[in-house]
Amino acid sequence: MGVDVVEIDLKLTKDSVLVLSHDRTLNRCTTGSGPISDYTYEEIRHFDLKAGHGIGRPGIKMPTLREALEV
């Protein structure tokens, strides 16, 4: 893909799952709200990621570090 470096920002969920997110809260990038650390990963999976224009993208979920490394 021509990529030399990838920056990955991690946050820890309430049940100690590392997820990829630049923000500490779900507000800007997902259809949820509040701190990521207040939710279990299963709860976060109920929210969709938002596209650039702020609209939820059904079925697109916040990835875990494990999922990112598997790619």
C-alpha atoms as a PDB file:
ATOM      1  CA  MET A   1       0.000   0.000   0.000  1.00  0.00           C
ATOM      2  CA  GLY A   2       3.017   2.296   0.133  1.00  0.00           C
ATOM      3  CA  VAL A   3       2.679   3.015   3.846  1.00  0.00           C
ATOM      4  CA  ASP A   4       5.832   3.215   5.943  1.00  0.00           C
ATOM      5  CA  VAL A   5       4.298   4.123   9.311  1.00  0.00           C
ATOM      6  CA  VAL A   6       0.892   3.763  10.959  1.00  0.00           C
ATOM      7  CA  GLU A   7      -0.026   5.721  14.076  1.00  0.00           C
ATOM      8  CA  ILE A   8      -2.401   3.832  16.348  1.00  0.00           C
ATOM      9  CA  ASP A   9      -4.071   5.545  19.302  1.00  0.00           C
ATOM     10  CA  LEU A  10      -5.365   3.131  21.928  1.00  0.00           C
ATOM     11  CA  LYS A  11      -7.973   3.444  24.639  1.00  0.00           C
ATOM     12  CA  LEU A  12      -8.922   0.904  27.318  1.00  0.00           C
ATOM     13  CA  THR A  13     -12.531  -0.174  27.780  1.00  0.00           C
ATOM     14  CA  LYS A  14     -14.156  -0.877  31.156  1.00  0.00           C
ATOM     15  CA  ASP A  15     -13.415  -4.591  30.682  1.00  0.00           C
ATOM     16  CA  SER A  16      -9.750  -3.981  29.695  1.00  0.00           C
ATOM     17  CA  VAL A  17     -10.044  -4.359  25.912  1.00  0.00           C
ATOM     18  CA  LEU A  18      -7.731  -2.115  23.879  1.00  0.00           C
ATOM     19  CA  VAL A  19      -9.607  -0.315  21.082  1.00  0.00           C
ATOM     20  CA  LEU A  20      -8.401   2.017  18.352  1.00  0.00           C
ATOM     21  CA  SER A  21      -9.525   5.569  19.039  1.00  0.00           C
ATOM     22  CA  HIS A  22      -7.845   8.958  19.047  1.00  0.00           C
ATOM     23  CA  ASP A  23     -10.505  10.406  21.370  1.00  0.00           C
ATOM     24  CA  ARG A  24     -11.180   9.489  25.003  1.00  0.00           C
ATOM     25  CA  THR A  25     -14.917   9.661  24.357  1.00  0.00           C
ATOM     26  CA  LEU A  26     -17.258   8.023  21.863  1.00  0.00           C
ATOM     27  CA  ASN A  27     -18.977  11.313  20.950  1.00  0.00           C
ATOM     28  CA  ARG A  28     -17.152  12.531  17.825  1.00  0.00           C
ATOM     29  CA  CYS A  29     -16.413   9.277  16.024  1.00  0.00           C
ATOM     30  CA  THR A  30     -19.295   6.964  16.976  1.00  0.00           C
ATOM     31  CA  THR A  31     -23.043   7.038  17.479  1.00  0.00           C
ATOM     32  CA  GLY A  32     -22.433   6.627  21.235  1.00  0.00           C
ATOM     33  CA  SER A  33     -21.461   9.180  23.856  1.00  0.00           C
ATOM     34  CA  GLY A  34     -19.339   9.354  26.978  1.00  0.00           C
ATOM     35  CA  PRO A  35     -15.884   8.079  27.923  1.00  0.00           C
ATOM     36  CA  ILE A  36     -14.727   4.827  26.298  1.00  0.00           C
ATOM     37  CA  SER A  37     -13.532   3.684  29.732  1.00  0.00           C
ATOM     38  CA  ASP A  38     -17.148   3.727  30.994  1.00  0.00           C
ATOM     39  CA  TYR A  39     -18.209   0.984  28.551  1.00  0.00           C
ATOM     40  CA  THR A  40     -17.387  -2.695  28.076  1.00  0.00           C
ATOM     41  CA  TYR A  41     -16.292  -3.664  24.587  1.00  0.00           C
ATOM     42  CA  GLU A  42     -19.574  -5.512  24.067  1.00  0.00           C
ATOM     43  CA  GLU A  43     -21.450  -2.297  24.844  1.00  0.00           C
ATOM     44  CA  ILE A  44     -19.262  -0.294  22.438  1.00  0.00           C
ATOM     45  CA  ARG A  45     -20.026  -2.813  19.676  1.00  0.00           C
ATOM     46  CA  HIS A  46     -23.624  -1.527  19.733  1.00  0.00           C
ATOM     47  CA  PHE A  47     -22.431   1.832  18.352  1.00  0.00           C
ATOM     48  CA  ASP A  48     -21.496   2.497  14.729  1.00  0.00           C
ATOM     49  CA  LEU A  49     -18.491   4.524  13.628  1.00  0.00           C
ATOM     50  CA  LYS A  50     -19.331   7.829  11.961  1.00  0.00           C
ATOM     51  CA  ALA A  51     -18.264   8.842   8.466  1.00  0.00           C
ATOM     52  CA  GLY A  52     -16.487  12.151   7.855  1.00  0.00           C
ATOM     53  CA  HIS A  53     -19.774  14.045   7.756  1.00  0.00           C
ATOM     54  CA  GLY A  54     -20.867  12.784  11.192  1.00  0.00           C
ATOM     55  CA  ILE A  55     -23.441  10.241  10.001  1.00  0.00           C
ATOM     56  CA  GLY A  56     -23.336   6.732  11.485  1.00  0.00           C
ATOM     57  CA  ARG A  57     -22.196   3.974   9.143  1.00  0.00           C
ATOM     58  CA  PRO A  58     -24.299   0.912  10.035  1.00  0.00           C
ATOM     59  CA  GLY A  59     -22.223  -2.186  10.617  1.00  0.00           C
ATOM     60  CA  ILE A  60     -18.865  -0.381  10.893  1.00  0.00           C
ATOM     61  CA  LYS A  61     -17.618  -0.843  14.461  1.00  0.00           C
ATOM     62  CA  MET A  62     -14.701   0.422  16.550  1.00  0.00           C
ATOM     63  CA  PRO A  63     -11.867  -2.107  16.082  1.00  0.00           C
ATOM     64  CA  THR A  64      -9.817  -3.701  18.821  1.00  0.00           C
ATOM     65  CA  LEU A  65      -6.030  -3.674  18.755  1.00  0.00           C
ATOM     66  CA  ARG A  66      -6.139  -7.431  18.165  1.00  0.00           C
ATOM     67  CA  GLU A  67      -8.342  -6.991  15.080  1.00  0.00           C
ATOM     68  CA  ALA A  68      -6.057  -4.259  13.717  1.00  0.00           C
ATOM     69  CA  LEU A  69      -2.939  -6.383  14.168  1.00  0.00           C
ATOM     70  CA  GLU A  70      -4.597  -9.326  12.419  1.00  0.00           C
ATOM     71  CA  VAL A  71      -5.139  -7.157   9.326  1.00  0.00           C
END
